Amino acid sequence: MAKESMKARQVKRAKMVERYAEKRAKLKAEGNYDALQLIPRNASPVRLRNRCSISGRPRGYMRVFGICRNQFRELASNGKIPGVSKASW
Protein backbone atom coordinates (compact mmCIF):
# COMPACT_ATOMS: atom_id res chain seq x y z
CA MET A 1 0.00 0.00 0.00
CA ALA A 2 1.20 3.47 -0.84
CA LYS A 3 1.38 6.06 1.88
CA GLU A 4 -1.75 8.16 2.28
CA SER A 5 0.34 11.28 1.67
CA MET A 6 1.35 9.97 -1.77
CA LYS A 7 -2.27 9.29 -2.69
CA ALA A 8 -3.31 12.75 -1.46
CA ARG A 9 -0.50 14.40 -3.41
CA GLN A 10 -1.63 12.64 -6.57
CA VAL A 11 -5.23 13.81 -6.10
CA LYS A 12 -4.03 17.36 -5.48
CA ARG A 13 -1.95 17.31 -8.67
CA ALA A 14 -4.86 15.94 -10.71
CA LYS A 15 -7.10 18.79 -9.54
CA MET A 16 -4.42 21.35 -10.35
CA VAL A 17 -3.87 19.91 -13.85
CA GLU A 18 -7.60 20.16 -14.50
CA ARG A 19 -7.78 23.73 -13.15
CA TYR A 20 -4.92 25.05 -15.33
CA ALA A 21 -5.52 22.94 -18.47
CA GLU A 22 -7.34 25.63 -20.44
CA LYS A 23 -4.90 28.40 -19.52
CA ARG A 24 -1.94 26.14 -20.26
CA ALA A 25 -3.29 25.18 -23.72
CA LYS A 26 -3.94 28.84 -24.56
CA LEU A 27 -0.40 29.91 -23.61
CA LYS A 28 1.16 27.03 -25.53
CA ALA A 29 -0.86 27.90 -28.64
CA GLU A 30 0.29 31.51 -28.42
CA GLY A 31 3.88 30.42 -27.87
CA ASN A 32 4.11 32.52 -24.73
CA TYR A 33 6.61 30.38 -22.84
CA ASP A 34 7.55 33.11 -20.35
CA ALA A 35 4.00 33.20 -18.99
CA LEU A 36 3.90 29.40 -19.09
CA GLN A 37 6.81 29.36 -16.63
CA LEU A 38 4.66 31.22 -14.08
CA ILE A 39 2.08 28.40 -13.90
CA PRO A 40 2.72 26.02 -10.96
CA ARG A 41 4.86 22.97 -11.74
CA ASN A 42 2.23 20.56 -10.46
CA ALA A 43 -0.19 21.90 -13.09
CA SER A 44 1.75 20.01 -15.75
CA PRO A 45 0.10 16.73 -16.82
CA VAL A 46 3.54 15.14 -17.11
CA ARG A 47 3.83 15.15 -13.32
CA LEU A 48 0.83 12.85 -12.90
CA ARG A 49 1.53 9.19 -12.17
CA ASN A 50 -0.83 6.33 -12.89
CA ARG A 51 -1.68 4.75 -9.54
CA CYS A 52 -3.93 1.89 -8.49
CA SER A 53 -7.28 3.27 -7.32
CA ILE A 54 -7.45 0.69 -4.51
CA SER A 55 -3.93 0.39 -3.11
CA GLY A 56 -2.15 3.41 -4.62
CA ARG A 57 0.60 1.21 -6.09
CA PRO A 58 2.44 3.01 -8.94
CA ARG A 59 3.93 -0.07 -10.63
CA GLY A 60 2.09 -2.75 -12.57
CA TYR A 61 -0.80 -0.41 -13.38
CA MET A 62 -3.42 -1.72 -15.82
CA ARG A 63 -4.86 1.28 -17.63
CA VAL A 64 -8.02 -0.47 -18.83
CA PHE A 65 -9.12 -1.36 -15.30
CA GLY A 66 -7.46 1.46 -13.34
CA ILE A 67 -5.90 -0.94 -10.83
CA CYS A 68 -2.57 -2.66 -10.32
CA ARG A 69 -1.85 -6.25 -11.31
CA ASN A 70 -2.03 -7.52 -7.72
CA GLN A 71 -5.49 -6.13 -7.11
CA PHE A 72 -6.59 -7.27 -10.57
CA ARG A 73 -5.54 -10.83 -9.85
CA GLU A 74 -7.29 -10.86 -6.49
CA LEU A 75 -10.54 -9.37 -7.81
CA ALA A 76 -10.55 -11.59 -10.91
CA SER A 77 -10.04 -14.72 -8.79
CA ASN A 78 -12.98 -13.73 -6.61
CA GLY A 79 -15.12 -13.13 -9.73
CA LYS A 80 -15.62 -9.44 -9.00
CA ILE A 81 -14.54 -8.23 -12.46
CA PRO A 82 -17.21 -9.00 -15.06
CA GLY A 83 -16.04 -10.83 -18.17
CA VAL A 84 -12.70 -11.89 -16.71
CA SER A 85 -12.01 -15.52 -15.89
CA LYS A 86 -8.89 -17.44 -15.00
CA ALA A 87 -7.35 -19.21 -17.96
CA SER A 88 -6.61 -22.92 -17.79
CA TRP A 89 -5.48 -25.34 -20.47
C-alpha atoms as a PDB file:
ATOM      1  CA  MET A   1       0.000   0.000   0.000  1.00  0.00           C
ATOM      2  CA  ALA A   2       1.196   3.468  -0.842  1.00  0.00           C
ATOM      3  CA  LYS A   3       1.380   6.056   1.885  1.00  0.00           C
ATOM      4  CA  GLU A   4      -1.746   8.156   2.275  1.00  0.00           C
ATOM      5  CA  SER A   5       0.336  11.284   1.669  1.00  0.00           C
ATOM      6  CA  MET A   6       1.350   9.969  -1.769  1.00  0.00           C
ATOM      7  CA  LYS A   7      -2.275   9.288  -2.687  1.00  0.00           C
ATOM      8  CA  ALA A   8      -3.313  12.745  -1.458  1.00  0.00           C
ATOM      9  CA  ARG A   9      -0.498  14.403  -3.409  1.00  0.00           C
ATOM     10  CA  GLN A  10      -1.631  12.639  -6.573  1.00  0.00           C
ATOM     11  CA  VAL A  11      -5.233  13.808  -6.096  1.00  0.00           C
ATOM     12  CA  LYS A  12      -4.031  17.361  -5.477  1.00  0.00           C
ATOM     13  CA  ARG A  13      -1.948  17.311  -8.672  1.00  0.00           C
ATOM     14  CA  ALA A  14      -4.860  15.938 -10.714  1.00  0.00           C
ATOM     15  CA  LYS A  15      -7.098  18.789  -9.543  1.00  0.00           C
ATOM     16  CA  MET A  16      -4.418  21.347 -10.348  1.00  0.00           C
ATOM     17  CA  VAL A  17      -3.867  19.912 -13.847  1.00  0.00           C
ATOM     18  CA  GLU A  18      -7.597  20.159 -14.503  1.00  0.00           C
ATOM     19  CA  ARG A  19      -7.776  23.729 -13.154  1.00  0.00           C
ATOM     20  CA  TYR A  20      -4.923  25.051 -15.328  1.00  0.00           C
ATOM     21  CA  ALA A  21      -5.523  22.939 -18.472  1.00  0.00           C
ATOM     22  CA  GLU A  22      -7.341  25.630 -20.439  1.00  0.00           C
ATOM     23  CA  LYS A  23      -4.899  28.398 -19.515  1.00  0.00           C
ATOM     24  CA  ARG A  24      -1.940  26.141 -20.264  1.00  0.00           C
ATOM     25  CA  ALA A  25      -3.287  25.184 -23.719  1.00  0.00           C
ATOM     26  CA  LYS A  26      -3.938  28.844 -24.557  1.00  0.00           C
ATOM     27  CA  LEU A  27      -0.404  29.907 -23.611  1.00  0.00           C
ATOM     28  CA  LYS A  28       1.159  27.034 -25.530  1.00  0.00           C
ATOM     29  CA  ALA A  29      -0.862  27.903 -28.635  1.00  0.00           C
ATOM     30  CA  GLU A  30       0.293  31.514 -28.419  1.00  0.00           C
ATOM     31  CA  GLY A  31       3.881  30.418 -27.874  1.00  0.00           C
ATOM     32  CA  ASN A  32       4.111  32.523 -24.725  1.00  0.00           C
ATOM     33  CA  TYR A  33       6.609  30.382 -22.835  1.00  0.00           C
ATOM     34  CA  ASP A  34       7.547  33.113 -20.352  1.00  0.00           C
ATOM     35  CA  ALA A  35       3.999  33.198 -18.988  1.00  0.00           C
ATOM     36  CA  LEU A  36       3.895  29.402 -19.089  1.00  0.00           C
ATOM     37  CA  GLN A  37       6.806  29.360 -16.625  1.00  0.00           C
ATOM     38  CA  LEU A  38       4.655  31.216 -14.076  1.00  0.00           C
ATOM     39  CA  ILE A  39       2.076  28.402 -13.895  1.00  0.00           C
ATOM     40  CA  PRO A  40       2.725  26.022 -10.957  1.00  0.00           C
ATOM     41  CA  ARG A  41       4.860  22.972 -11.743  1.00  0.00           C
ATOM     42  CA  ASN A  42       2.229  20.563 -10.463  1.00  0.00           C
ATOM     43  CA  ALA A  43      -0.188  21.904 -13.086  1.00  0.00           C
ATOM     44  CA  SER A  44       1.746  20.010 -15.750  1.00  0.00           C
ATOM     45  CA  PRO A  45       0.098  16.733 -16.817  1.00  0.00           C
ATOM     46  CA  VAL A  46       3.539  15.143 -17.108  1.00  0.00           C
ATOM     47  CA  ARG A  47       3.834  15.150 -13.324  1.00  0.00           C
ATOM     48  CA  LEU A  48       0.827  12.850 -12.901  1.00  0.00           C
ATOM     49  CA  ARG A  49       1.528   9.191 -12.166  1.00  0.00           C
ATOM     50  CA  ASN A  50      -0.827   6.326 -12.886  1.00  0.00           C
ATOM     51  CA  ARG A  51      -1.681   4.754  -9.544  1.00  0.00           C
ATOM     52  CA  CYS A  52      -3.934   1.890  -8.490  1.00  0.00           C
ATOM     53  CA  SER A  53      -7.276   3.272  -7.319  1.00  0.00           C
ATOM     54  CA  ILE A  54      -7.447   0.686  -4.513  1.00  0.00           C
ATOM     55  CA  SER A  55      -3.926   0.387  -3.109  1.00  0.00           C
ATOM     56  CA  GLY A  56      -2.148   3.408  -4.624  1.00  0.00           C
ATOM     57  CA  ARG A  57       0.601   1.208  -6.094  1.00  0.00           C
ATOM     58  CA  PRO A  58       2.439   3.014  -8.937  1.00  0.00           C
ATOM     59  CA  ARG A  59       3.926  -0.073 -10.629  1.00  0.00           C
ATOM     60  CA  GLY A  60       2.089  -2.751 -12.573  1.00  0.00           C
ATOM     61  CA  TYR A  61      -0.799  -0.412 -13.380  1.00  0.00           C
ATOM     62  CA  MET A  62      -3.416  -1.724 -15.819  1.00  0.00           C
ATOM     63  CA  ARG A  63      -4.858   1.276 -17.627  1.00  0.00           C
ATOM     64  CA  VAL A  64      -8.022  -0.470 -18.828  1.00  0.00           C
ATOM     65  CA  PHE A  65      -9.118  -1.362 -15.296  1.00  0.00           C
ATOM     66  CA  GLY A  66      -7.456   1.455 -13.344  1.00  0.00           C
ATOM     67  CA  ILE A  67      -5.904  -0.940 -10.827  1.00  0.00           C
ATOM     68  CA  CYS A  68      -2.566  -2.658 -10.319  1.00  0.00           C
ATOM     69  CA  ARG A  69      -1.853  -6.249 -11.313  1.00  0.00           C
ATOM     70  CA  ASN A  70      -2.025  -7.523  -7.722  1.00  0.00           C
ATOM     71  CA  GLN A  71      -5.494  -6.126  -7.110  1.00  0.00           C
ATOM     72  CA  PHE A  72      -6.594  -7.267 -10.569  1.00  0.00           C
ATOM     73  CA  ARG A  73      -5.545 -10.832  -9.854  1.00  0.00           C
ATOM     74  CA  GLU A  74      -7.287 -10.863  -6.493  1.00  0.00           C
ATOM     75  CA  LEU A  75     -10.536  -9.367  -7.810  1.00  0.00           C
ATOM     76  CA  ALA A  76     -10.546 -11.591 -10.912  1.00  0.00           C
ATOM     77  CA  SER A  77     -10.036 -14.719  -8.792  1.00  0.00           C
ATOM     78  CA  ASN A  78     -12.978 -13.728  -6.613  1.00  0.00           C
ATOM     79  CA  GLY A  79     -15.120 -13.133  -9.726  1.00  0.00           C
ATOM     80  CA  LYS A  80     -15.623  -9.437  -9.001  1.00  0.00           C
ATOM     81  CA  ILE A  81     -14.537  -8.228 -12.457  1.00  0.00           C
ATOM     82  CA  PRO A  82     -17.212  -9.000 -15.060  1.00  0.00           C
ATOM     83  CA  GLY A  83     -16.041 -10.828 -18.174  1.00  0.00           C
ATOM     84  CA  VAL A  84     -12.703 -11.891 -16.706  1.00  0.00           C
ATOM     85  CA  SER A  85     -12.015 -15.516 -15.889  1.00  0.00           C
ATOM     86  CA  LYS A  86      -8.893 -17.440 -15.001  1.00  0.00           C
ATOM     87  CA  ALA A  87      -7.348 -19.211 -17.958  1.00  0.00           C
ATOM     88  CA  SER A  88      -6.611 -22.920 -17.792  1.00  0.00           C
ATOM     89  CA  TRP A  89      -5.482 -25.341 -20.473  1.00  0.00           C
END
